[in-house]
Protein backbone atom coordinates (compact mmCIF):
# COMPACT_ATOMS: atom_id res chain seq x y z
CA MET A 1 22.56 -16.46 -9.36
CA SER A 2 23.58 -16.93 -13.00
CA MET A 3 25.04 -13.69 -14.45
CA GLU A 4 24.63 -14.22 -18.13
CA SER A 5 24.61 -11.27 -20.49
CA LEU A 6 20.91 -10.57 -21.25
CA LEU A 7 21.00 -7.39 -23.34
CA GLN A 8 23.90 -6.09 -25.33
CA VAL A 9 23.60 -2.80 -27.07
CA GLU A 10 26.46 -2.37 -29.56
CA ASN A 11 27.39 0.84 -31.15
CA LEU A 12 23.74 1.91 -31.46
CA SER A 13 22.90 4.98 -33.42
CA VAL A 14 19.21 6.02 -33.71
CA SER A 15 17.41 8.60 -35.83
CA VAL A 16 13.92 9.94 -35.38
CA GLU A 17 12.44 11.67 -38.47
CA ASP A 18 15.93 11.98 -39.93
CA MET A 19 17.28 13.65 -36.77
CA GLN A 20 20.06 11.60 -35.04
CA ILE A 21 19.33 11.12 -31.34
CA LEU A 22 21.57 8.31 -30.24
CA LYS A 23 25.23 8.23 -31.31
CA GLY A 24 27.25 5.02 -30.89
CA LEU A 25 25.78 3.86 -27.65
CA ASN A 26 27.01 0.73 -25.84
CA LEU A 27 25.30 -0.98 -22.96
CA ASN A 28 25.50 -4.52 -21.34
CA VAL A 29 22.91 -5.64 -18.96
CA LYS A 30 23.29 -9.03 -17.21
CA GLU A 31 20.50 -11.19 -15.71
CA GLY A 32 19.26 -9.80 -12.42
CA GLU A 33 20.89 -6.40 -12.68
CA THR A 34 19.32 -3.04 -12.20
CA HIS A 35 20.58 -0.26 -14.37
CA VAL A 36 19.53 3.41 -14.04
CA LEU A 37 19.65 5.83 -17.03
CA MET A 38 19.81 9.37 -16.09
CA GLY A 39 20.54 12.62 -18.05
CA PRO A 40 18.93 16.02 -18.82
CA ASN A 41 15.76 16.34 -20.75
CA GLY A 42 16.17 15.55 -24.39
CA ALA A 43 19.33 13.54 -23.78
CA GLY A 44 17.91 10.46 -25.60
CA LYS A 45 16.98 8.21 -22.49
CA SER A 46 13.34 7.61 -23.76
CA THR A 47 14.70 7.15 -27.36
CA LEU A 48 16.84 4.24 -26.05
CA GLY A 49 13.89 2.70 -24.27
CA ASN A 50 11.62 3.08 -27.40
CA THR A 51 14.32 1.59 -29.67
CA LEU A 52 14.97 -1.38 -27.32
CA MET A 53 11.18 -2.13 -27.57
CA GLY A 54 11.17 -1.76 -31.37
CA ASN A 55 8.97 1.30 -31.71
CA PRO A 56 8.83 1.79 -35.52
CA GLY A 57 9.23 5.59 -35.16
CA TYR A 58 12.80 5.06 -34.07
CA LYS A 59 15.21 4.04 -36.92
CA VAL A 60 18.41 2.23 -36.11
CA THR A 61 21.01 3.62 -38.45
CA ASP A 62 24.02 1.80 -37.05
CA GLY A 63 24.86 -0.90 -34.52
CA ARG A 64 22.72 -3.67 -33.18
CA ILE A 65 20.74 -4.98 -30.22
CA LEU A 66 21.21 -8.61 -28.86
CA PHE A 67 18.76 -10.02 -26.39
CA ASP A 68 19.21 -13.34 -24.78
CA GLY A 69 21.83 -14.24 -27.39
CA GLN A 70 19.59 -13.33 -30.35
CA ASP A 71 19.93 -10.25 -32.67
CA ILE A 72 16.73 -8.44 -32.27
CA THR A 73 17.51 -5.28 -34.19
CA GLY A 74 14.87 -6.10 -36.86
CA LEU A 75 12.34 -7.72 -34.68
CA SER A 76 8.84 -6.24 -34.25
CA THR A 77 7.61 -5.02 -30.75
CA ASP A 78 5.26 -8.16 -30.19
CA LYS A 79 8.09 -10.36 -30.97
CA ARG A 80 10.35 -8.73 -28.45
CA ALA A 81 7.65 -8.85 -25.86
CA ALA A 82 7.11 -12.57 -26.55
CA ALA A 83 10.95 -12.96 -26.05
CA GLY A 84 10.54 -11.55 -22.61
CA MET A 85 10.93 -7.73 -22.77
CA PHE A 86 8.48 -5.27 -21.18
CA MET A 87 8.28 -1.48 -21.17
CA SER A 88 6.16 0.86 -19.04
CA PHE A 89 5.42 4.31 -20.44
CA GLN A 90 5.46 7.85 -19.22
CA ASN A 91 1.84 8.34 -20.28
CA PRO A 92 0.08 4.95 -20.49
CA LEU A 93 -2.72 4.63 -23.10
CA GLU A 94 -6.35 4.47 -22.26
CA VAL A 95 -7.98 1.52 -23.96
CA PRO A 96 -11.78 1.58 -23.83
CA GLY A 97 -13.73 -1.74 -24.26
CA ILE A 98 -11.05 -3.96 -22.75
CA SER A 99 -10.83 -4.49 -19.02
CA LEU A 100 -7.47 -4.37 -17.01
CA SER A 101 -7.90 -8.08 -16.11
CA ALA A 102 -8.76 -9.21 -19.73
CA PHE A 103 -5.78 -7.05 -21.06
CA ILE A 104 -3.30 -8.71 -18.76
CA ARG A 105 -4.67 -12.30 -19.29
CA SER A 106 -4.40 -11.86 -23.07
CA ALA A 107 -0.78 -10.46 -22.69
CA ILE A 108 0.20 -13.44 -20.70
CA HIS A 109 -1.41 -15.69 -23.33
CA ALA A 110 0.47 -13.92 -26.12
CA GLN A 111 3.84 -14.07 -24.11
CA THR A 112 3.64 -17.82 -23.21
CA GLY A 113 1.51 -19.17 -26.13
CA LYS A 114 -0.57 -21.09 -23.47
CA PRO A 115 -3.91 -20.12 -22.07
CA ILE A 116 -4.03 -19.47 -18.26
CA LYS A 117 -6.80 -21.02 -16.30
CA LEU A 118 -9.29 -18.38 -15.06
CA LEU A 119 -9.44 -19.28 -11.51
CA ALA A 120 -5.72 -19.53 -10.98
CA TYR A 121 -5.36 -16.33 -12.91
CA LYS A 122 -7.97 -14.53 -10.72
CA LYS A 123 -6.20 -15.60 -7.56
CA LEU A 124 -2.77 -14.47 -8.83
CA LEU A 125 -4.23 -11.10 -10.01
CA GLU A 126 -6.04 -10.40 -6.72
CA SER A 127 -2.81 -11.22 -4.70
CA THR A 128 -0.66 -9.10 -6.98
CA MET A 129 -3.14 -6.22 -6.73
CA GLU A 130 -2.81 -6.49 -2.97
CA ILE A 131 0.85 -5.88 -3.09
CA LEU A 132 0.14 -2.54 -4.91
CA ASN A 133 -2.65 -1.42 -2.67
CA MET A 134 -5.00 -1.52 -5.73
CA ASP A 135 -8.79 -1.70 -5.32
CA PRO A 136 -9.81 -5.05 -6.67
CA SER A 137 -12.70 -3.38 -8.64
CA TYR A 138 -9.95 -1.93 -10.99
CA ALA A 139 -9.59 -5.34 -12.51
CA ASP A 140 -12.94 -5.12 -14.23
CA ARG A 141 -12.63 -1.41 -15.36
CA ASP A 142 -11.62 -0.50 -18.82
CA LEU A 143 -7.85 -0.30 -19.19
CA ASN A 144 -6.60 3.06 -17.76
CA VAL A 145 -9.96 4.80 -18.58
CA GLY A 146 -10.66 7.27 -15.80
CA PHE A 147 -7.70 6.17 -13.86
CA SER A 148 -5.64 8.70 -11.99
CA GLY A 149 -2.04 9.14 -12.89
CA GLY A 150 -1.10 6.98 -9.81
CA GLU A 151 -3.53 4.26 -10.65
CA LYS A 152 -2.20 4.08 -14.30
CA LYS A 153 1.25 3.66 -13.01
CA LYS A 154 0.15 0.98 -10.49
CA ALA A 155 -1.66 -0.79 -13.40
CA GLU A 156 1.61 -0.90 -15.32
CA ILE A 157 3.57 -2.34 -12.39
CA LEU A 158 0.81 -4.74 -12.00
CA GLN A 159 1.33 -5.87 -15.61
CA LEU A 160 5.09 -6.00 -14.94
CA LEU A 161 4.54 -8.43 -11.90
CA MET A 162 1.96 -10.56 -13.67
CA LEU A 163 4.01 -11.00 -16.85
CA SER A 164 7.32 -11.35 -14.98
CA PRO A 165 9.45 -10.52 -18.08
CA LYS A 166 13.20 -11.20 -18.41
CA LEU A 167 13.91 -7.43 -18.82
CA ALA A 168 11.70 -4.53 -17.85
CA ILE A 169 12.22 -1.03 -19.11
CA LEU A 170 10.50 1.56 -16.81
CA ASP A 171 10.37 5.04 -18.49
CA GLU A 172 9.82 7.75 -16.03
CA THR A 173 7.55 5.57 -13.95
CA ASP A 174 7.61 8.11 -11.07
CA SER A 175 6.67 11.20 -13.06
CA GLY A 176 3.71 13.06 -11.63
CA LEU A 177 3.23 10.74 -8.67
CA ASP A 178 2.71 11.78 -5.11
CA VAL A 179 4.88 10.39 -2.27
CA ASP A 180 2.47 7.55 -1.43
CA ALA A 181 2.07 6.45 -4.95
CA VAL A 182 5.96 6.53 -5.42
CA ARG A 183 6.31 4.35 -2.41
CA THR A 184 3.74 1.82 -3.74
CA VAL A 185 5.28 1.75 -7.20
CA SER A 186 8.60 1.28 -5.49
CA ARG A 187 7.27 -1.69 -3.62
CA GLY A 188 6.08 -3.35 -6.73
CA ILE A 189 9.53 -2.79 -8.45
CA GLU A 190 11.16 -4.28 -5.41
CA GLU A 191 8.92 -7.44 -5.61
CA TYR A 192 10.10 -7.75 -9.26
CA GLN A 193 13.70 -7.39 -8.23
CA LYS A 194 13.38 -10.32 -5.87
CA ARG A 195 12.41 -12.66 -8.77
CA GLU A 196 15.15 -14.79 -10.04
CA ASN A 197 17.20 -13.20 -12.91
CA GLY A 198 14.76 -10.36 -13.73
CA ALA A 199 16.68 -7.40 -15.16
CA LEU A 200 15.62 -3.71 -14.99
CA ILE A 201 16.43 -0.61 -16.89
CA ILE A 202 14.96 2.46 -14.97
CA ILE A 203 14.88 5.69 -17.09
CA THR A 204 14.50 8.68 -14.83
CA HIS A 205 15.58 12.16 -14.02
CA SER A 206 14.12 12.20 -10.50
CA THR A 207 15.63 9.79 -8.01
CA ARG A 208 12.58 9.36 -5.63
CA ILE A 209 11.74 5.99 -7.17
CA LEU A 210 15.37 4.72 -6.49
CA GLU A 211 15.45 5.56 -2.73
CA SER A 212 14.38 2.05 -1.66
CA LEU A 213 15.69 0.11 -4.61
CA HIS A 214 19.00 -1.68 -5.01
CA VAL A 215 20.96 -0.20 -8.02
CA ASP A 216 23.90 -2.07 -9.71
CA HIS A 217 24.73 0.39 -12.45
CA THR A 218 24.04 4.05 -13.15
CA HIS A 219 24.56 5.60 -16.64
CA VAL A 220 24.47 9.23 -17.69
CA ILE A 221 23.34 10.04 -21.29
CA VAL A 222 23.93 13.55 -22.62
CA LYS A 223 23.12 14.56 -26.20
CA GLY A 224 22.64 10.96 -27.37
CA ARG A 225 25.98 9.68 -25.93
CA LEU A 226 26.76 7.57 -22.84
CA VAL A 227 29.17 9.90 -21.02
CA ALA A 228 29.57 8.18 -17.61
CA SER A 229 28.79 4.95 -15.90
CA GLY A 230 29.17 3.99 -12.22
CA ASP A 231 27.46 2.11 -9.40
CA GLY A 232 24.49 3.26 -7.37
CA SER A 233 26.58 6.00 -5.65
CA LEU A 234 26.49 7.94 -8.85
CA VAL A 235 22.84 8.72 -8.37
CA ASP A 236 23.65 10.55 -5.14
CA GLU A 237 26.51 12.48 -6.83
CA ILE A 238 24.04 13.57 -9.51
CA ASN A 239 21.44 14.52 -6.91
CA GLU A 240 24.00 16.79 -5.39
CA HIS A 241 25.75 18.28 -8.47
CA GLY A 242 23.45 17.72 -11.34
CA PHE A 243 24.51 16.91 -14.83
CA GLU A 244 26.66 20.10 -15.57
CA LYS A 245 30.02 18.38 -15.46
CA TYR A 246 28.85 15.82 -18.05
CA THR A 247 27.63 18.27 -20.65
CA LEU A 248 29.46 17.61 -23.90
CA VAL A 249 30.84 20.21 -26.23
CA ASP A 250 29.95 19.04 -29.66
């Protein structure tokens, strides 16, 4: 497997409504790697995810973001998505009037610039829904409308597998899920990990989602700073001892 650098975050500082959240953060993600971001509530984990995806509410005050060799610091969210970035959210939005199937098909079209043949698309969608134990009828329902928390998360992992981005950022994908839903979502993420060169950033403060996943690097963010990095074993250490030893004195 080629191990080119896919994402480089260089000295990134970010403000939200004039309040500085991230302070000089550096991160390097190579193709095919899985990185886990952990830290106490309010540490800046989701801020990093939103900034990487170009959410306009998050203002880069210093540093830059390189993706696939291109400086994307000033790019809009849709351009980042077209370049191969994807983010799943803690609370997925409900979109009345557009079915899950139509939404994913138009997202693939936007990403590739090419229409996808309906019959081939339906086959792929069906087989991917099967991996996630999703009832096929959900394909024709309005996106996330009346979906349970677990079904919303499955719908996002379905989008991840159908779009097959170069980099997926999963923000608290396991929050509010029961054991079975966590297992199913994990299976979908594992499926993505098997694909060549797909990289993952998993933002979480619970580790249930990680139990069956291979983790290359674990990072701890506290008060907007990256204070520790290690391999997958750092997850176990945090499980046992929490974040106390990483808490910074300003």
